[in-house]
Amino acid sequence: MRIDTVKLKKLLLKVLPYLLFGLFCTHFGQAWRMADGTNASEQLLSFF
């Protein structure tokens, strides 16, 4: 079974924003968990 390149390109263009958003949120969440501090304000200061 062969997928047409045009259909594959359209599918990738539809899915790409969701993949990028998911990667960004995953990395942001990991950076937030690794930030020093015990409460949100301390974490926010050490995050930036």
PDB file of N, CA and C in Angstrom:
ATOM      1  N   MET A   1       0.850  -1.174   0.000  1.00  0.00           N
ATOM      2  CA  MET A   1       0.000   0.000   0.000  1.00  0.00           C
ATOM      3  C   MET A   1       0.896   1.237   0.000  1.00  0.00           C
ATOM      4  N   ARG A   2       0.710   2.113  -0.944  1.00  0.00           N
ATOM      5  CA  ARG A   2       1.555   3.291  -1.109  1.00  0.00           C
ATOM      6  C   ARG A   2       0.753   4.557  -0.833  1.00  0.00           C
ATOM      7  N   ILE A   3       1.319   5.418  -0.004  1.00  0.00           N
ATOM      8  CA  ILE A   3       0.650   6.669   0.315  1.00  0.00           C
ATOM      9  C   ILE A   3       1.088   7.726  -0.691  1.00  0.00           C
ATOM     10  N   ASP A   4       0.140   8.445  -1.220  1.00  0.00           N
ATOM     11  CA  ASP A   4       0.431   9.511  -2.167  1.00  0.00           C
ATOM     12  C   ASP A   4       1.193  10.629  -1.450  1.00  0.00           C
ATOM     13  N   THR A   5       2.204  11.182  -2.094  1.00  0.00           N
ATOM     14  CA  THR A   5       3.038  12.211  -1.453  1.00  0.00           C
ATOM     15  C   THR A   5       2.247  13.466  -1.144  1.00  0.00           C
ATOM     16  N   VAL A   6       1.292  13.798  -1.952  1.00  0.00           N
ATOM     17  CA  VAL A   6       0.483  14.994  -1.700  1.00  0.00           C
ATOM     18  C   VAL A   6      -0.354  14.792  -0.442  1.00  0.00           C
ATOM     19  N   LYS A   7      -0.940  13.606  -0.305  1.00  0.00           N
ATOM     20  CA  LYS A   7      -1.739  13.317   0.889  1.00  0.00           C
ATOM     21  C   LYS A   7      -0.868  13.305   2.136  1.00  0.00           C
ATOM     22  N   LEU A   8       0.335  12.756   2.014  1.00  0.00           N
ATOM     23  CA  LEU A   8       1.253  12.717   3.145  1.00  0.00           C
ATOM     24  C   LEU A   8       1.671  14.122   3.553  1.00  0.00           C
ATOM     25  N   LYS A   9       1.945  14.969   2.586  1.00  0.00           N
ATOM     26  CA  LYS A   9       2.339  16.348   2.868  1.00  0.00           C
ATOM     27  C   LYS A   9       1.211  17.106   3.562  1.00  0.00           C
ATOM     28  N   LYS A  10      -0.017  16.929   3.089  1.00  0.00           N
ATOM     29  CA  LYS A  10      -1.170  17.582   3.709  1.00  0.00           C
ATOM     30  C   LYS A  10      -1.357  17.100   5.144  1.00  0.00           C
ATOM     31  N   LEU A  11      -1.175  15.807   5.358  1.00  0.00           N
ATOM     32  CA  LEU A  11      -1.322  15.253   6.698  1.00  0.00           C
ATOM     33  C   LEU A  11      -0.256  15.802   7.641  1.00  0.00           C
ATOM     34  N   LEU A  12       0.984  15.867   7.164  1.00  0.00           N
ATOM     35  CA  LEU A  12       2.062  16.402   7.997  1.00  0.00           C
ATOM     36  C   LEU A  12       1.850  17.870   8.326  1.00  0.00           C
ATOM     37  N   LEU A  13       1.351  18.638   7.367  1.00  0.00           N
ATOM     38  CA  LEU A  13       1.085  20.050   7.628  1.00  0.00           C
ATOM     39  C   LEU A  13      -0.037  20.243   8.642  1.00  0.00           C
ATOM     40  N   LYS A  14      -0.978  19.316   8.683  1.00  0.00           N
ATOM     41  CA  LYS A  14      -2.054  19.396   9.668  1.00  0.00           C
ATOM     42  C   LYS A  14      -1.566  19.017  11.063  1.00  0.00           C
ATOM     43  N   VAL A  15      -0.653  18.063  11.155  1.00  0.00           N
ATOM     44  CA  VAL A  15      -0.220  17.518  12.434  1.00  0.00           C
ATOM     45  C   VAL A  15       0.951  18.303  13.042  1.00  0.00           C
ATOM     46  N   LEU A  16       1.739  18.955  12.199  1.00  0.00           N
ATOM     47  CA  LEU A  16       2.955  19.632  12.652  1.00  0.00           C
ATOM     48  C   LEU A  16       2.734  20.654  13.771  1.00  0.00           C
ATOM     49  N   PRO A  17       1.742  21.529  13.717  1.00  0.00           N
ATOM     50  CA  PRO A  17       1.550  22.474  14.827  1.00  0.00           C
ATOM     51  C   PRO A  17       1.284  21.782  16.165  1.00  0.00           C
ATOM     52  N   TYR A  18       0.551  20.703  16.139  1.00  0.00           N
ATOM     53  CA  TYR A  18       0.268  19.978  17.377  1.00  0.00           C
ATOM     54  C   TYR A  18       1.526  19.326  17.933  1.00  0.00           C
ATOM     55  N   LEU A  19       2.372  18.798  17.055  1.00  0.00           N
ATOM     56  CA  LEU A  19       3.632  18.205  17.500  1.00  0.00           C
ATOM     57  C   LEU A  19       4.553  19.257  18.116  1.00  0.00           C
ATOM     58  N   LEU A  20       4.667  20.399  17.462  1.00  0.00           N
ATOM     59  CA  LEU A  20       5.524  21.459  17.983  1.00  0.00           C
ATOM     60  C   LEU A  20       5.002  21.996  19.309  1.00  0.00           C
ATOM     61  N   PHE A  21       3.689  22.171  19.414  1.00  0.00           N
ATOM     62  CA  PHE A  21       3.099  22.638  20.662  1.00  0.00           C
ATOM     63  C   PHE A  21       3.315  21.621  21.776  1.00  0.00           C
ATOM     64  N   GLY A  22       3.167  20.347  21.472  1.00  0.00           N
ATOM     65  CA  GLY A  22       3.393  19.296  22.467  1.00  0.00           C
ATOM     66  C   GLY A  22       4.843  19.251  22.927  1.00  0.00           C
ATOM     67  N   LEU A  23       5.778  19.385  22.010  1.00  0.00           N
ATOM     68  CA  LEU A  23       7.195  19.404  22.377  1.00  0.00           C
ATOM     69  C   LEU A  23       7.522  20.614  23.248  1.00  0.00           C
ATOM     70  N   PHE A  24       6.980  21.776  22.877  1.00  0.00           N
ATOM     71  CA  PHE A  24       7.229  22.990  23.660  1.00  0.00           C
ATOM     72  C   PHE A  24       6.689  22.834  25.079  1.00  0.00           C
ATOM     73  N   CYS A  25       5.462  22.354  25.208  1.00  0.00           N
ATOM     74  CA  CYS A  25       4.860  22.198  26.538  1.00  0.00           C
ATOM     75  C   CYS A  25       5.606  21.164  27.370  1.00  0.00           C
ATOM     76  N   THR A  26       6.068  20.106  26.748  1.00  0.00           N
ATOM     77  CA  THR A  26       6.820  19.086  27.472  1.00  0.00           C
ATOM     78  C   THR A  26       8.127  19.650  28.008  1.00  0.00           C
ATOM     79  N   HIS A  27       8.848  20.389  27.180  1.00  0.00           N
ATOM     80  CA  HIS A  27      10.120  20.960  27.613  1.00  0.00           C
ATOM     81  C   HIS A  27       9.906  22.069  28.641  1.00  0.00           C
ATOM     82  N   PHE A  28       8.861  22.850  28.477  1.00  0.00           N
ATOM     83  CA  PHE A  28       8.564  23.899  29.453  1.00  0.00           C
ATOM     84  C   PHE A  28       8.207  23.292  30.801  1.00  0.00           C
ATOM     85  N   GLY A  29       7.428  22.231  30.806  1.00  0.00           N
ATOM     86  CA  GLY A  29       7.070  21.566  32.056  1.00  0.00           C
ATOM     87  C   GLY A  29       8.274  20.952  32.745  1.00  0.00           C
ATOM     88  N   GLN A  30       9.167  20.381  31.970  1.00  0.00           N
ATOM     89  CA  GLN A  30      10.379  19.809  32.551  1.00  0.00           C
ATOM     90  C   GLN A  30      11.266  20.907  33.136  1.00  0.00           C
ATOM     91  N   ALA A  31      11.395  22.021  32.442  1.00  0.00           N
ATOM     92  CA  ALA A  31      12.191  23.135  32.956  1.00  0.00           C
ATOM     93  C   ALA A  31      11.569  23.703  34.227  1.00  0.00           C
ATOM     94  N   TRP A  32      10.260  23.737  34.302  1.00  0.00           N
ATOM     95  CA  TRP A  32       9.572  24.245  35.484  1.00  0.00           C
ATOM     96  C   TRP A  32       9.813  23.324  36.680  1.00  0.00           C
ATOM     97  N   ARG A  33       9.758  22.005  36.441  1.00  0.00           N
ATOM     98  CA  ARG A  33       9.989  21.062  37.536  1.00  0.00           C
ATOM     99  C   ARG A  33      11.430  21.093  38.019  1.00  0.00           C
ATOM    100  N   MET A  34      12.375  21.399  37.122  1.00  0.00           N
ATOM    101  CA  MET A  34      13.783  21.420  37.497  1.00  0.00           C
ATOM    102  C   MET A  34      14.215  22.750  38.114  1.00  0.00           C
ATOM    103  N   ALA A  35      13.365  23.769  38.054  1.00  0.00           N
ATOM    104  CA  ALA A  35      13.710  25.086  38.588  1.00  0.00           C
ATOM    105  C   ALA A  35      13.803  25.020  40.112  1.00  0.00           C
ATOM    106  N   ASP A  36      14.753  25.785  40.656  1.00  0.00           N
ATOM    107  CA  ASP A  36      14.916  25.825  42.105  1.00  0.00           C
ATOM    108  C   ASP A  36      13.772  26.612  42.731  1.00  0.00           C
ATOM    109  N   GLY A  37      13.458  26.280  43.970  1.00  0.00           N
ATOM    110  CA  GLY A  37      12.423  27.009  44.702  1.00  0.00           C
ATOM    111  C   GLY A  37      11.364  26.066  45.221  1.00  0.00           C
ATOM    112  N   THR A  38      10.692  26.528  46.266  1.00  0.00           N
ATOM    113  CA  THR A  38       9.675  25.700  46.895  1.00  0.00           C
ATOM    114  C   THR A  38       8.268  26.124  46.498  1.00  0.00           C
ATOM    115  N   ASN A  39       8.078  27.396  46.151  1.00  0.00           N
ATOM    116  CA  ASN A  39       6.746  27.830  45.731  1.00  0.00           C
ATOM    117  C   ASN A  39       6.820  28.433  44.332  1.00  0.00           C
ATOM    118  N   ALA A  40       5.682  28.827  43.801  1.00  0.00           N
ATOM    119  CA  ALA A  40       5.612  29.269  42.406  1.00  0.00           C
ATOM    120  C   ALA A  40       6.413  30.538  42.151  1.00  0.00           C
ATOM    121  N   SER A  41       6.405  31.469  43.095  1.00  0.00           N
ATOM    122  CA  SER A  41       7.127  32.724  42.866  1.00  0.00           C
ATOM    123  C   SER A  41       8.645  32.491  42.843  1.00  0.00           C
ATOM    124  N   GLU A  42       9.148  31.629  43.710  1.00  0.00           N
ATOM    125  CA  GLU A  42      10.578  31.320  43.717  1.00  0.00           C
ATOM    126  C   GLU A  42      10.977  30.560  42.445  1.00  0.00           C
ATOM    127  N   GLN A  43      10.131  29.655  42.010  1.00  0.00           N
ATOM    128  CA  GLN A  43      10.417  28.916  40.783  1.00  0.00           C
ATOM    129  C   GLN A  43      10.407  29.839  39.576  1.00  0.00           C
ATOM    130  N   LEU A  44       9.473  30.772  39.559  1.00  0.00           N
ATOM    131  CA  LEU A  44       9.390  31.712  38.438  1.00  0.00           C
ATOM    132  C   LEU A  44      10.645  32.585  38.379  1.00  0.00           C
ATOM    133  N   LEU A  45      11.124  33.033  39.515  1.00  0.00           N
ATOM    134  CA  LEU A  45      12.341  33.851  39.532  1.00  0.00           C
ATOM    135  C   LEU A  45      13.562  33.055  39.096  1.00  0.00           C
ATOM    136  N   SER A  46      13.687  31.828  39.544  1.00  0.00           N
ATOM    137  CA  SER A  46      14.858  31.031  39.137  1.00  0.00           C
ATOM    138  C   SER A  46      14.711  30.513  37.713  1.00  0.00           C
ATOM    139  N   PHE A  47      13.486  30.404  37.240  1.00  0.00           N
ATOM    140  CA  PHE A  47      13.243  29.942  35.867  1.00  0.00           C
ATOM    141  C   PHE A  47      13.763  30.954  34.857  1.00  0.00           C
ATOM    142  N   PHE A  48      13.517  32.236  35.149  1.00  0.00           N
ATOM    143  CA  PHE A  48      13.981  33.272  34.232  1.00  0.00           C
ATOM    144  C   PHE A  48      15.349  33.749  34.636  1.00  0.00           C
TER     145      PHE A  48
END
